[in-house]
N, C-alpha and C. Protein backbone atom coordinates (compact mmCIF):
# COMPACT_ATOMS: atom_id res chain seq x y z
N MET A 1 -42.83 -36.41 148.08
CA MET A 1 -43.15 -34.87 147.82
C MET A 1 -43.82 -35.13 146.49
N GLU A 2 -45.12 -34.97 146.55
CA GLU A 2 -45.63 -34.69 144.95
C GLU A 2 -46.92 -34.06 145.18
N ASN A 3 -46.89 -33.43 143.67
CA ASN A 3 -48.49 -32.04 143.23
C ASN A 3 -49.56 -33.27 143.92
N ALA A 4 -50.39 -32.53 144.29
CA ALA A 4 -51.64 -32.82 144.55
C ALA A 4 -52.66 -33.13 142.85
N THR A 5 -52.52 -32.74 142.58
CA THR A 5 -53.27 -32.67 140.76
C THR A 5 -52.48 -32.77 139.84
N PRO A 6 -51.98 -33.28 139.59
CA PRO A 6 -50.46 -33.56 138.82
C PRO A 6 -51.09 -33.56 136.91
N ARG A 7 -50.61 -32.44 136.35
CA ARG A 7 -51.15 -33.02 134.70
C ARG A 7 -50.15 -31.94 134.08
N LYS A 8 -49.40 -32.71 133.05
CA LYS A 8 -48.73 -32.05 131.85
C LYS A 8 -49.32 -31.54 130.36
N GLY A 9 -48.68 -30.09 130.49
CA GLY A 9 -49.42 -29.51 129.06
C GLY A 9 -48.85 -29.90 127.68
N ASN A 10 -49.73 -30.37 126.68
CA ASN A 10 -49.32 -31.06 125.69
C ASN A 10 -48.10 -29.48 125.13
N LYS A 11 -47.44 -30.38 123.83
CA LYS A 11 -46.52 -29.07 123.07
C LYS A 11 -46.98 -28.11 122.56
N SER A 12 -48.59 -28.46 121.75
CA SER A 12 -49.07 -27.20 121.20
C SER A 12 -49.51 -26.46 122.44
N GLU A 13 -49.75 -26.58 123.21
CA GLU A 13 -50.76 -26.39 124.31
C GLU A 13 -49.67 -24.85 125.45
N ILE A 14 -48.20 -26.09 125.65
CA ILE A 14 -47.43 -25.40 126.11
C ILE A 14 -46.92 -24.21 124.73
N ARG A 15 -46.46 -24.41 123.40
CA ARG A 15 -46.38 -23.39 122.45
C ARG A 15 -46.73 -21.61 122.57
N ALA A 16 -48.21 -22.54 122.62
CA ALA A 16 -49.43 -21.32 122.90
C ALA A 16 -48.66 -20.51 124.15
N ALA A 17 -48.66 -21.08 125.39
CA ALA A 17 -48.35 -20.34 126.29
C ALA A 17 -47.16 -19.53 126.38
N ILE A 18 -46.62 -19.82 125.41
CA ILE A 18 -45.26 -19.15 125.72
C ILE A 18 -45.31 -17.77 124.69
N SER A 19 -46.37 -17.86 123.92
CA SER A 19 -45.83 -17.27 122.80
C SER A 19 -47.28 -15.66 123.56
N ALA A 20 -48.25 -16.19 124.16
CA ALA A 20 -48.65 -15.28 124.99
C ALA A 20 -48.09 -15.18 125.63
N GLU A 21 -47.74 -15.24 126.91
CA GLU A 21 -46.76 -14.76 127.38
C GLU A 21 -45.72 -13.96 127.50
N ARG A 22 -45.19 -14.36 126.35
CA ARG A 22 -44.53 -13.46 125.82
C ARG A 22 -44.72 -11.82 124.95
N ARG A 23 -46.08 -12.03 124.90
CA ARG A 23 -46.64 -11.12 123.93
C ARG A 23 -47.43 -10.06 125.13
N GLU A 24 -47.63 -10.49 125.76
CA GLU A 24 -48.13 -9.83 127.27
C GLU A 24 -46.74 -8.74 127.75
N LEU A 25 -45.90 -9.98 128.38
CA LEU A 25 -45.17 -9.12 129.12
C LEU A 25 -44.02 -7.81 127.65
N ALA A 26 -43.76 -8.30 126.70
CA ALA A 26 -43.56 -7.21 125.73
C ALA A 26 -44.74 -6.13 126.50
N ASP A 27 -46.05 -5.89 125.98
CA ASP A 27 -46.92 -5.20 126.69
C ASP A 27 -46.61 -4.17 127.72
N LEU A 28 -46.52 -4.68 129.13
CA LEU A 28 -46.63 -4.64 129.87
C LEU A 28 -45.34 -3.62 130.02
N LEU A 29 -43.98 -4.43 129.47
CA LEU A 29 -42.69 -3.49 129.57
C LEU A 29 -42.81 -2.17 128.80
N ASP A 30 -43.74 -2.29 127.80
CA ASP A 30 -43.57 -0.74 127.12
C ASP A 30 -44.89 0.32 127.96
N THR A 31 -45.16 -0.17 129.36
CA THR A 31 -45.64 0.63 129.59
C THR A 31 -45.10 0.76 131.08
N LEU A 32 -43.86 0.39 131.53
CA LEU A 32 -43.29 1.33 132.27
C LEU A 32 -42.61 2.04 132.73
N ARG A 33 -42.59 3.33 133.41
CA ARG A 33 -41.64 4.27 134.04
C ARG A 33 -40.41 4.59 133.77
N ALA A 34 -39.75 5.25 133.24
CA ALA A 34 -38.32 5.08 133.76
C ALA A 34 -37.43 4.90 134.92
N ASP A 35 -38.20 5.30 135.84
CA ASP A 35 -37.86 4.90 137.01
C ASP A 35 -38.15 3.35 137.41
N GLN A 36 -38.91 2.16 137.01
CA GLN A 36 -39.30 1.18 137.05
C GLN A 36 -38.37 0.59 136.67
N TRP A 37 -37.81 0.56 135.52
CA TRP A 37 -36.63 0.44 134.41
C TRP A 37 -35.65 -0.08 135.28
N GLU A 38 -35.47 1.18 136.57
CA GLU A 38 -34.40 1.28 137.13
C GLU A 38 -34.05 0.62 138.14
N GLY A 39 -35.09 0.11 138.54
CA GLY A 39 -35.68 -0.75 140.16
C GLY A 39 -35.43 -2.08 140.16
N GLN A 40 -35.19 -2.63 141.21
CA GLN A 40 -34.60 -3.64 141.69
C GLN A 40 -35.77 -4.48 141.20
N SER A 41 -35.41 -5.99 140.92
CA SER A 41 -36.43 -6.45 140.72
C SER A 41 -36.13 -8.21 141.56
N LEU A 42 -36.86 -9.02 141.82
CA LEU A 42 -36.53 -10.21 142.57
C LEU A 42 -35.50 -11.14 142.48
N CYS A 43 -34.38 -10.53 141.25
CA CYS A 43 -33.44 -11.48 140.51
C CYS A 43 -32.26 -10.82 141.54
N ALA A 44 -31.42 -11.21 142.55
CA ALA A 44 -30.29 -10.58 143.06
C ALA A 44 -29.00 -9.76 142.27
N GLY A 45 -29.40 -8.34 142.53
CA GLY A 45 -28.19 -7.39 141.94
C GLY A 45 -28.88 -7.00 140.36
N TRP A 46 -30.10 -7.51 139.78
CA TRP A 46 -30.45 -7.31 139.03
C TRP A 46 -31.94 -6.14 138.90
N ARG A 47 -31.68 -4.68 137.63
CA ARG A 47 -32.75 -4.10 137.83
C ARG A 47 -33.77 -5.04 136.62
N VAL A 48 -34.47 -4.58 136.60
CA VAL A 48 -35.72 -4.49 135.46
C VAL A 48 -35.01 -4.46 134.30
N ARG A 49 -34.24 -3.90 133.96
CA ARG A 49 -33.76 -3.79 132.77
C ARG A 49 -32.76 -5.02 132.41
N GLU A 50 -32.05 -5.17 133.40
CA GLU A 50 -31.22 -6.62 133.13
C GLU A 50 -31.96 -7.51 133.22
N VAL A 51 -33.39 -7.91 134.05
CA VAL A 51 -33.82 -9.26 133.57
C VAL A 51 -34.38 -9.11 132.37
N ALA A 52 -35.44 -7.90 132.08
CA ALA A 52 -35.75 -8.15 130.74
C ALA A 52 -34.86 -8.06 129.34
N ALA A 53 -33.26 -7.70 129.74
CA ALA A 53 -32.28 -8.44 128.41
C ALA A 53 -31.80 -9.86 128.51
N HIS A 54 -31.78 -10.38 129.86
CA HIS A 54 -31.89 -11.46 129.89
C HIS A 54 -32.61 -12.61 129.46
N MET A 55 -34.26 -12.40 129.22
CA MET A 55 -34.94 -12.57 129.32
C MET A 55 -35.41 -13.33 127.41
N SER A 56 -34.58 -12.10 126.80
CA SER A 56 -34.45 -12.46 125.27
C SER A 56 -33.10 -12.86 124.90
N MET A 57 -31.75 -13.44 125.57
CA MET A 57 -30.87 -13.47 125.45
C MET A 57 -30.73 -14.71 124.50
N GLY A 58 -31.40 -15.92 124.87
CA GLY A 58 -31.54 -16.97 124.06
C GLY A 58 -32.13 -16.68 122.60
N PHE A 59 -32.88 -15.86 122.49
CA PHE A 59 -33.01 -15.39 120.77
C PHE A 59 -32.24 -14.98 120.39
N ARG A 60 -31.01 -14.07 120.71
CA ARG A 60 -30.59 -12.93 120.61
C ARG A 60 -29.04 -13.41 120.03
N LEU A 61 -28.92 -14.88 121.02
CA LEU A 61 -26.82 -14.68 121.06
C LEU A 61 -27.57 -16.13 120.42
N ARG A 62 -26.47 -16.66 118.80
CA ARG A 62 -26.20 -17.83 118.46
C ARG A 62 -25.31 -18.43 119.23
N LEU A 63 -25.48 -20.30 118.88
CA LEU A 63 -24.41 -21.13 119.76
C LEU A 63 -22.88 -20.48 119.65
N PRO A 64 -21.97 -20.44 118.53
CA PRO A 64 -20.99 -19.81 118.95
C PRO A 64 -21.01 -18.63 119.26
N ALA A 65 -22.15 -17.54 119.61
CA ALA A 65 -21.76 -16.18 120.15
C ALA A 65 -22.08 -16.92 122.07
N MET A 66 -22.57 -17.57 121.86
CA MET A 66 -22.98 -17.92 123.38
C MET A 66 -21.81 -18.97 123.55
N LEU A 67 -21.48 -19.61 123.57
CA LEU A 67 -20.38 -20.40 123.37
C LEU A 67 -19.25 -19.66 123.93
N GLY A 68 -18.62 -18.27 123.36
CA GLY A 68 -17.80 -17.71 122.92
C GLY A 68 -18.02 -16.73 124.72
N GLU A 69 -18.98 -16.23 125.02
CA GLU A 69 -19.57 -15.84 126.15
C GLU A 69 -18.75 -16.48 127.15
N LEU A 70 -19.40 -18.22 126.95
CA LEU A 70 -19.42 -18.75 127.96
C LEU A 70 -17.63 -19.37 128.64
N ALA A 71 -16.97 -19.39 127.63
CA ALA A 71 -15.71 -18.74 127.92
C ALA A 71 -14.85 -17.72 128.03
N LYS A 72 -15.39 -16.73 127.67
CA LYS A 72 -15.30 -15.58 128.68
C LYS A 72 -15.82 -15.74 129.94
N ALA A 73 -16.39 -16.17 130.80
CA ALA A 73 -16.61 -16.78 131.55
C ALA A 73 -15.77 -17.70 132.46
N ARG A 74 -15.24 -18.33 132.02
CA ARG A 74 -14.28 -19.53 132.66
C ARG A 74 -15.26 -20.90 132.72
N GLY A 75 -16.37 -20.86 131.90
CA GLY A 75 -17.17 -22.00 131.86
C GLY A 75 -18.16 -21.92 132.79
N ASN A 76 -18.47 -21.14 133.32
CA ASN A 76 -19.55 -20.73 134.48
C ASN A 76 -20.68 -19.73 134.32
N LEU A 77 -21.98 -20.61 133.96
CA LEU A 77 -22.97 -20.45 133.79
C LEU A 77 -23.75 -19.23 133.64
N HIS A 78 -23.43 -19.29 134.96
CA HIS A 78 -24.62 -17.69 136.06
C HIS A 78 -23.62 -16.61 135.97
N ARG A 79 -21.85 -16.70 135.55
CA ARG A 79 -21.15 -15.77 135.67
C ARG A 79 -21.33 -14.78 134.30
N MET A 80 -21.98 -16.13 132.69
CA MET A 80 -22.18 -15.92 131.98
C MET A 80 -23.57 -15.10 131.49
N THR A 81 -24.00 -16.05 131.97
CA THR A 81 -25.58 -15.28 132.33
C THR A 81 -25.79 -13.55 132.91
N ASP A 82 -24.73 -13.26 133.83
CA ASP A 82 -24.72 -11.71 134.70
C ASP A 82 -23.90 -10.82 133.98
N ARG A 83 -23.09 -11.47 133.05
CA ARG A 83 -22.33 -10.32 132.46
C ARG A 83 -23.13 -9.73 131.10
N VAL A 84 -23.35 -11.25 130.46
CA VAL A 84 -24.21 -10.83 129.22
C VAL A 84 -25.39 -9.87 129.70
N ALA A 85 -26.61 -9.96 130.26
CA ALA A 85 -27.77 -9.14 130.85
C ALA A 85 -26.88 -7.82 130.90
N ARG A 86 -26.53 -7.67 132.11
CA ARG A 86 -25.50 -6.59 131.90
C ARG A 86 -24.67 -5.48 131.11
N LYS A 87 -23.96 -5.90 130.25
CA LYS A 87 -24.05 -5.71 129.47
C LYS A 87 -25.31 -4.95 127.99
N ASP A 88 -26.16 -6.32 127.29
CA ASP A 88 -27.30 -5.56 126.88
C ASP A 88 -28.06 -4.71 127.46
N ALA A 89 -28.27 -4.12 128.73
CA ALA A 89 -29.12 -3.91 129.26
C ALA A 89 -28.21 -2.43 128.89
N ALA A 90 -27.52 -1.92 128.92
CA ALA A 90 -26.57 -0.71 128.83
C ALA A 90 -26.62 -1.03 127.21
N ALA A 91 -26.71 -1.60 126.30
CA ALA A 91 -26.34 -1.39 125.38
C ALA A 91 -27.80 -1.09 124.56
N HIS A 92 -29.07 -1.28 124.74
CA HIS A 92 -30.14 -1.42 123.95
C HIS A 92 -30.75 -0.42 125.00
N SER A 93 -32.48 -0.28 124.22
CA SER A 93 -32.68 0.97 125.05
C SER A 93 -34.48 -0.11 125.41
N THR A 94 -35.32 0.80 126.32
CA THR A 94 -35.97 -0.19 126.72
C THR A 94 -36.86 -0.70 125.96
N ALA A 95 -37.42 0.21 124.65
CA ALA A 95 -38.17 -0.04 123.89
C ALA A 95 -37.55 -1.34 122.91
N ALA A 96 -36.18 -0.99 122.76
CA ALA A 96 -35.74 -3.18 121.81
C ALA A 96 -35.81 -3.50 123.08
N LEU A 97 -35.61 -3.87 123.90
CA LEU A 97 -35.42 -5.01 124.84
C LEU A 97 -36.99 -4.86 124.79
N ALA A 98 -38.29 -4.08 125.39
CA ALA A 98 -39.39 -4.90 124.90
C ALA A 98 -39.79 -5.93 123.73
N ALA A 99 -39.61 -4.88 122.51
CA ALA A 99 -39.51 -5.81 121.17
C ALA A 99 -38.85 -6.99 121.09
N PHE A 100 -37.94 -7.14 121.60
CA PHE A 100 -37.19 -7.77 121.39
C PHE A 100 -38.22 -9.40 122.19
N LEU A 101 -38.84 -9.06 123.04
CA LEU A 101 -39.50 -10.26 123.61
C LEU A 101 -40.68 -10.45 122.43
N ARG A 102 -41.49 -9.43 122.30
CA ARG A 102 -42.25 -9.39 121.22
C ARG A 102 -42.32 -9.64 120.03
N ASP A 103 -41.28 -9.98 119.28
CA ASP A 103 -40.90 -10.47 118.06
C ASP A 103 -40.17 -11.69 117.88
N ASN A 104 -40.39 -12.28 119.22
CA ASN A 104 -39.51 -13.61 119.23
C ASN A 104 -40.90 -14.34 119.79
N ALA A 105 -41.94 -13.26 119.80
CA ALA A 105 -43.13 -14.45 120.68
C ALA A 105 -42.85 -16.00 120.06
N ASP A 106 -42.88 -16.71 119.06
CA ASP A 106 -42.86 -17.76 119.03
C ASP A 106 -41.53 -18.02 118.15
N HIS A 107 -40.15 -17.89 118.81
CA HIS A 107 -39.30 -18.49 119.01
C HIS A 107 -39.54 -20.01 119.06
N PRO A 108 -38.56 -20.61 119.07
CA PRO A 108 -38.44 -22.01 119.48
C PRO A 108 -37.20 -22.40 121.12
N TRP A 109 -36.41 -21.12 120.89
CA TRP A 109 -36.06 -21.42 122.15
C TRP A 109 -36.31 -22.46 123.30
N ALA A 110 -35.15 -23.15 123.81
CA ALA A 110 -35.88 -23.80 125.34
C ALA A 110 -34.00 -23.20 125.60
N PRO A 111 -34.30 -23.24 127.36
CA PRO A 111 -33.14 -23.86 127.75
C PRO A 111 -32.75 -25.45 127.35
N PRO A 112 -31.06 -26.00 127.62
CA PRO A 112 -31.10 -26.70 127.56
C PRO A 112 -31.97 -27.90 128.16
N VAL A 113 -32.09 -27.76 129.56
CA VAL A 113 -32.73 -28.75 130.21
C VAL A 113 -34.00 -28.75 130.73
N GLY A 114 -34.82 -29.59 130.74
CA GLY A 114 -36.31 -29.14 130.97
C GLY A 114 -37.34 -28.85 129.51
N GLY A 115 -36.30 -28.74 128.17
CA GLY A 115 -37.81 -28.65 127.67
C GLY A 115 -38.35 -27.13 127.57
N LEU A 116 -39.75 -27.41 126.84
CA LEU A 116 -40.61 -26.12 126.62
C LEU A 116 -41.13 -25.68 127.50
N ALA A 117 -41.50 -26.83 128.78
CA ALA A 117 -41.98 -26.02 130.16
C ALA A 117 -41.06 -26.03 130.99
N ALA A 118 -39.82 -25.46 130.61
CA ALA A 118 -38.66 -24.81 131.03
C ALA A 118 -38.56 -23.53 130.41
N ALA A 119 -38.93 -23.79 128.85
CA ALA A 119 -38.92 -22.27 128.85
C ALA A 119 -39.87 -21.12 129.19
N LEU A 120 -40.83 -22.02 129.19
CA LEU A 120 -42.54 -21.47 129.94
C LEU A 120 -42.06 -21.27 131.28
N GLY A 121 -41.22 -21.46 132.12
CA GLY A 121 -40.70 -21.06 133.47
C GLY A 121 -40.35 -19.75 133.79
N HIS A 122 -39.27 -20.30 132.44
CA HIS A 122 -38.26 -18.73 132.38
C HIS A 122 -38.93 -17.25 132.05
N ASP A 123 -39.76 -17.61 130.57
CA ASP A 123 -40.48 -16.02 130.68
C ASP A 123 -41.71 -16.24 131.61
N VAL A 124 -42.36 -17.06 132.33
CA VAL A 124 -43.22 -16.17 133.48
C VAL A 124 -42.61 -15.99 134.65
N VAL A 125 -41.83 -16.82 135.36
CA VAL A 125 -40.92 -16.40 136.75
C VAL A 125 -40.03 -15.10 136.27
N HIS A 126 -39.29 -14.78 135.30
CA HIS A 126 -38.84 -13.45 135.02
C HIS A 126 -39.53 -12.29 135.08
N GLY A 127 -40.65 -12.78 134.58
CA GLY A 127 -41.50 -11.82 134.38
C GLY A 127 -42.43 -11.23 135.88
N LEU A 128 -42.64 -12.76 136.64
CA LEU A 128 -43.10 -12.07 138.14
C LEU A 128 -41.71 -11.37 139.18
N ASP A 129 -40.46 -11.64 138.16
CA ASP A 129 -39.83 -10.72 139.14
C ASP A 129 -39.75 -9.37 138.83
N ILE A 130 -39.78 -9.12 137.78
CA ILE A 130 -40.03 -7.80 137.42
C ILE A 130 -41.64 -6.90 138.02
N THR A 131 -42.40 -8.13 138.12
CA THR A 131 -44.15 -7.32 138.15
C THR A 131 -44.38 -7.25 140.07
N VAL A 132 -43.85 -8.82 140.25
CA VAL A 132 -44.29 -8.31 142.34
C VAL A 132 -42.88 -7.35 142.09
N ALA A 133 -42.10 -7.09 142.12
CA ALA A 133 -41.00 -6.62 143.00
C ALA A 133 -41.57 -4.88 142.32
N LEU A 134 -42.38 -4.95 141.29
CA LEU A 134 -42.35 -3.51 141.29
C LEU A 134 -44.09 -3.20 141.67
N GLY A 135 -44.34 -4.34 142.59
CA GLY A 135 -45.87 -3.69 143.06
C GLY A 135 -46.88 -4.08 142.05
N LEU A 136 -46.60 -4.59 140.97
CA LEU A 136 -47.80 -4.83 139.70
C LEU A 136 -49.20 -5.68 140.17
N ASP A 137 -49.89 -5.60 139.50
CA ASP A 137 -50.73 -6.41 139.74
C ASP A 137 -51.51 -7.49 138.63
N ARG A 138 -50.39 -7.68 137.99
CA ARG A 138 -50.47 -8.53 136.86
C ARG A 138 -50.81 -10.02 137.09
N ARG A 139 -51.90 -10.83 136.95
CA ARG A 139 -51.97 -12.54 137.28
C ARG A 139 -51.85 -13.03 136.34
N VAL A 140 -50.98 -14.14 136.53
CA VAL A 140 -50.30 -15.01 135.46
C VAL A 140 -52.20 -15.99 135.16
N PRO A 141 -52.09 -16.40 133.77
CA PRO A 141 -53.22 -17.01 133.37
C PRO A 141 -52.85 -18.68 134.26
N GLU A 142 -54.09 -19.14 134.74
CA GLU A 142 -54.33 -20.27 135.51
C GLU A 142 -53.75 -21.57 134.55
N ASP A 143 -53.75 -21.44 133.49
CA ASP A 143 -53.81 -22.85 132.31
C ASP A 143 -51.78 -22.19 132.20
N ARG A 144 -50.98 -21.68 132.40
CA ARG A 144 -49.73 -21.52 132.61
C ARG A 144 -49.21 -21.85 133.92
N LEU A 145 -49.86 -21.10 135.02
CA LEU A 145 -49.61 -21.44 135.71
C LEU A 145 -49.47 -23.62 136.61
N ARG A 146 -50.42 -23.75 136.09
CA ARG A 146 -50.30 -25.09 136.09
C ARG A 146 -49.86 -26.56 135.70
N ILE A 147 -49.30 -26.14 134.44
CA ILE A 147 -47.98 -26.12 133.81
C ILE A 147 -46.62 -26.27 134.75
N LEU A 148 -46.59 -24.95 134.65
CA LEU A 148 -45.58 -24.78 135.24
C LEU A 148 -45.32 -25.85 136.93
N LEU A 149 -47.02 -25.19 138.02
CA LEU A 149 -46.49 -25.53 139.11
C LEU A 149 -46.50 -27.90 139.68
N ASP A 150 -47.06 -28.34 138.12
CA ASP A 150 -46.94 -29.54 138.22
C ASP A 150 -46.16 -29.75 137.87
N ALA A 151 -45.05 -28.93 137.42
CA ALA A 151 -43.71 -29.77 136.81
C ALA A 151 -42.68 -29.80 138.02
N ILE A 152 -43.01 -29.61 139.44
CA ILE A 152 -42.08 -29.26 140.00
C ILE A 152 -41.82 -30.81 140.79
N ARG A 153 -40.16 -30.15 140.78
CA ARG A 153 -39.83 -31.52 141.20
C ARG A 153 -38.92 -31.81 142.11
N PRO A 154 -38.69 -32.40 143.20
CA PRO A 154 -36.71 -32.20 144.06
C PRO A 154 -35.42 -31.79 143.13
N SER A 155 -35.68 -32.18 141.65
CA SER A 155 -34.34 -32.16 141.14
C SER A 155 -35.09 -30.47 140.38
N SER A 156 -36.01 -30.22 140.49
CA SER A 156 -35.89 -28.68 140.11
C SER A 156 -35.99 -27.77 141.26
N LEU A 157 -35.68 -27.99 142.10
CA LEU A 157 -36.12 -27.58 143.08
C LEU A 157 -34.11 -27.95 143.63
N LYS A 158 -33.79 -28.37 143.22
CA LYS A 158 -32.55 -28.06 143.85
C LYS A 158 -31.77 -27.28 142.64
N PHE A 159 -31.91 -27.34 140.92
CA PHE A 159 -31.65 -26.80 140.59
C PHE A 159 -31.24 -24.99 140.64
N PHE A 160 -32.67 -24.86 141.42
CA PHE A 160 -33.14 -23.80 141.63
C PHE A 160 -32.80 -23.39 142.99
N GLY A 161 -31.95 -23.88 143.57
CA GLY A 161 -31.37 -23.71 144.79
C GLY A 161 -32.21 -23.41 145.70
N ALA A 162 -34.50 -24.32 145.84
CA ALA A 162 -35.14 -23.53 146.41
C ALA A 162 -34.99 -24.95 147.68
N ASP A 163 -35.22 -24.18 148.72
CA ASP A 163 -35.24 -25.25 149.78
C ASP A 163 -36.71 -25.20 150.48
N LEU A 164 -37.40 -26.18 150.52
CA LEU A 164 -38.90 -26.24 150.59
C LEU A 164 -38.98 -27.54 151.63
N ASP A 165 -37.49 -27.69 152.35
CA ASP A 165 -37.67 -28.74 153.62
C ASP A 165 -38.98 -28.50 154.81
N GLY A 166 -39.53 -29.23 154.82
CA GLY A 166 -40.28 -29.12 156.65
C GLY A 166 -41.82 -28.41 155.72
N VAL A 167 -41.50 -27.85 154.86
CA VAL A 167 -42.84 -26.89 154.31
C VAL A 167 -43.55 -27.71 152.95
N ARG A 168 -45.38 -27.27 153.64
CA ARG A 168 -45.87 -27.92 152.72
C ARG A 168 -47.02 -27.01 151.96
N LEU A 169 -46.60 -26.37 150.90
CA LEU A 169 -46.87 -25.06 149.71
C LEU A 169 -48.96 -25.44 149.15
N TYR A 170 -49.32 -24.51 149.76
CA TYR A 170 -51.42 -24.70 149.48
C TYR A 170 -51.51 -23.30 148.66
N ALA A 171 -51.97 -23.71 147.85
CA ALA A 171 -52.41 -22.36 147.08
C ALA A 171 -53.38 -21.79 147.48
N GLU A 172 -53.78 -20.50 146.96
CA GLU A 172 -55.03 -20.33 148.13
C GLU A 172 -56.02 -19.55 147.01
N ASP A 173 -55.15 -20.13 145.43
CA ASP A 173 -56.30 -19.29 144.37
C ASP A 173 -56.65 -20.76 143.74
N LEU A 174 -55.63 -21.69 143.61
CA LEU A 174 -55.93 -22.72 142.54
C LEU A 174 -55.88 -24.06 143.99
N ASP A 175 -56.53 -25.21 143.27
CA ASP A 175 -56.64 -26.83 144.04
C ASP A 175 -55.38 -27.04 144.11
N TRP A 176 -54.28 -26.72 144.66
CA TRP A 176 -52.88 -27.50 144.35
C TRP A 176 -51.75 -27.15 145.83
N SER A 177 -51.27 -28.24 145.62
CA SER A 177 -50.11 -28.33 146.94
C SER A 177 -48.98 -28.86 146.93
N TYR A 178 -48.07 -28.90 147.08
CA TYR A 178 -47.04 -29.89 147.01
C TYR A 178 -45.93 -29.35 148.61
N GLY A 179 -45.42 -30.71 148.37
CA GLY A 179 -44.23 -30.77 149.54
C GLY A 179 -44.73 -31.51 151.25
N SER A 180 -44.28 -31.63 152.22
CA SER A 180 -45.19 -31.90 153.03
C SER A 180 -43.78 -31.70 154.67
N GLY A 181 -45.51 -31.32 155.84
CA GLY A 181 -44.61 -29.98 156.34
C GLY A 181 -45.79 -28.96 156.98
N SER A 182 -44.74 -27.76 157.33
CA SER A 182 -45.83 -26.92 157.98
C SER A 182 -46.19 -26.11 157.10
N PRO A 183 -47.77 -25.96 157.18
CA PRO A 183 -47.98 -25.00 155.62
C PRO A 183 -47.76 -23.94 155.50
N LEU A 184 -47.62 -23.29 154.16
CA LEU A 184 -47.56 -21.91 153.64
C LEU A 184 -48.58 -21.66 153.14
N TYR A 185 -48.95 -20.32 153.15
CA TYR A 185 -50.09 -20.13 152.34
C TYR A 185 -49.94 -18.90 151.55
N GLY A 186 -50.55 -18.92 149.91
CA GLY A 186 -49.65 -18.12 149.01
C GLY A 186 -50.84 -18.40 147.71
N SER A 187 -50.62 -17.40 146.81
CA SER A 187 -50.95 -17.02 145.57
C SER A 187 -50.36 -18.23 144.81
N ALA A 188 -50.86 -19.02 143.67
CA ALA A 188 -50.48 -19.78 143.39
C ALA A 188 -48.48 -19.23 142.40
N GLN A 189 -48.93 -18.23 142.15
CA GLN A 189 -47.71 -17.66 141.27
C GLN A 189 -46.86 -16.83 142.34
N ASP A 190 -47.04 -16.48 143.93
CA ASP A 190 -45.79 -16.47 144.47
C ASP A 190 -45.52 -18.14 144.65
N LEU A 191 -45.98 -19.11 145.11
CA LEU A 191 -45.36 -19.93 145.48
C LEU A 191 -44.46 -21.07 144.08
N LEU A 192 -45.19 -20.27 143.29
CA LEU A 192 -44.37 -21.02 141.46
C LEU A 192 -42.90 -20.03 142.13
N LEU A 193 -43.08 -18.89 143.19
CA LEU A 193 -41.41 -18.43 142.84
C LEU A 193 -40.77 -18.85 143.57
N LEU A 194 -41.67 -19.41 145.03
CA LEU A 194 -40.25 -20.31 145.86
C LEU A 194 -40.33 -21.27 145.38
N ALA A 195 -40.77 -21.95 144.68
CA ALA A 195 -40.23 -23.28 143.67
C ALA A 195 -38.98 -23.02 143.09
N TYR A 196 -38.45 -21.93 142.48
CA TYR A 196 -37.22 -21.36 141.75
C TYR A 196 -36.90 -20.51 142.04
N GLY A 197 -36.64 -20.80 144.09
CA GLY A 197 -35.96 -19.81 144.74
C GLY A 197 -35.56 -18.46 145.28
N ARG A 198 -36.79 -17.98 145.06
CA ARG A 198 -36.46 -16.30 145.06
C ARG A 198 -38.24 -16.27 146.60
N ARG A 199 -37.78 -14.75 146.78
CA ARG A 199 -38.11 -14.55 148.08
C ARG A 199 -39.53 -13.49 148.13
N VAL A 200 -40.27 -13.16 148.42
CA VAL A 200 -41.19 -12.32 148.18
C VAL A 200 -41.53 -11.46 149.13
N PRO A 201 -42.40 -10.12 149.37
CA PRO A 201 -42.39 -9.64 150.11
C PRO A 201 -43.30 -10.24 151.24
N GLY A 202 -43.33 -9.83 152.64
CA GLY A 202 -43.62 -10.74 153.38
C GLY A 202 -45.44 -10.51 153.32
N SER A 203 -45.82 -9.79 152.98
CA SER A 203 -47.25 -9.18 153.29
C SER A 203 -48.64 -10.84 152.03
N ARG A 204 -47.20 -11.37 151.43
CA ARG A 204 -47.72 -12.10 150.55
C ARG A 204 -47.75 -13.88 150.85
N LEU A 205 -47.70 -14.17 151.64
CA LEU A 205 -47.90 -15.28 152.58
C LEU A 205 -48.42 -15.43 153.90
N ARG A 206 -48.45 -16.60 154.28
CA ARG A 206 -49.18 -17.17 155.08
C ARG A 206 -48.63 -18.22 155.96
N GLY A 207 -47.96 -18.20 157.51
CA GLY A 207 -47.83 -19.47 158.23
C GLY A 207 -46.65 -19.57 158.43
N GLU A 208 -46.32 -20.60 160.07
CA GLU A 208 -45.40 -20.20 160.40
C GLU A 208 -44.24 -20.24 159.36
N PRO A 209 -43.74 -20.76 158.33
CA PRO A 209 -42.34 -21.10 157.48
C PRO A 209 -42.51 -19.65 157.06
N SER A 210 -43.21 -18.52 156.87
CA SER A 210 -43.49 -17.46 155.64
C SER A 210 -42.24 -16.91 155.95
N SER A 211 -41.09 -16.62 157.07
CA SER A 211 -40.22 -15.65 157.38
C SER A 211 -38.57 -15.93 156.57
N ARG A 212 -39.16 -17.75 156.34
CA ARG A 212 -37.93 -18.17 155.15
C ARG A 212 -37.72 -17.37 154.34
N PHE A 213 -38.92 -17.21 153.82
CA PHE A 213 -39.21 -17.16 151.79
C PHE A 213 -39.48 -15.73 151.89
N THR A 214 -39.15 -14.44 152.87
CA THR A 214 -39.70 -13.44 152.21
C THR A 214 -38.25 -12.67 152.36
N LEU A 215 -38.53 -11.31 151.69
CA LEU A 215 -37.53 -10.33 151.47
C LEU A 215 -37.56 -9.41 152.72
N PRO A 216 -36.35 -9.10 153.03
CA PRO A 216 -36.41 -8.39 154.22
C PRO A 216 -36.58 -7.05 154.50
N ALA A 217 -37.21 -6.44 154.87
CA ALA A 217 -37.80 -5.11 155.49
C ALA A 217 -37.32 -4.18 154.29
N GLY A 218 -37.82 -3.09 153.75
CA GLY A 218 -36.97 -2.28 153.20
C GLY A 218 -36.43 -2.78 152.06
């Protein structure tokens, strides 16, 4: 399974994309109503508030604190990030959660695996976890999407628990496709969400396999 139009962004391009994404998302968070902050995101069990708190965890927790939280979670990374997100979401105001992103727009943090592209993916996908769930029409710029779409590999799908077996993704707004099998059509950013293990509202996809990747009604 290969991308139709592979390319890789250089480091300066990706750093600029990360900084811009964080600033734009901070501005968007500042516009949310109180009820939207309490709304369910695409991340199972997390409200928008928890997603926003999680997005800045890497900036705020130094390595010793991170290791301490990991020890409390008995070495389970997912349990640790869930616990910290819930704790921080309760401890900080919505204005502070937005400011953490804006103030750290140029922070060099990146996940342990994947480098700068993974850092961009972290920001873009969690931003979509918020905007898609809330029904907000934010379009991620094409250059950022291409960096992430062209980084999709079987190993990344496995890491995020995305099962695309027997499906070929076709972006309707970009010249991009991935996989083999029954065609599944959607916007590039919605297909990116599928590659990160998310499900999306049913009206956003077209094709016979779409029911595999859509949220339950209601």
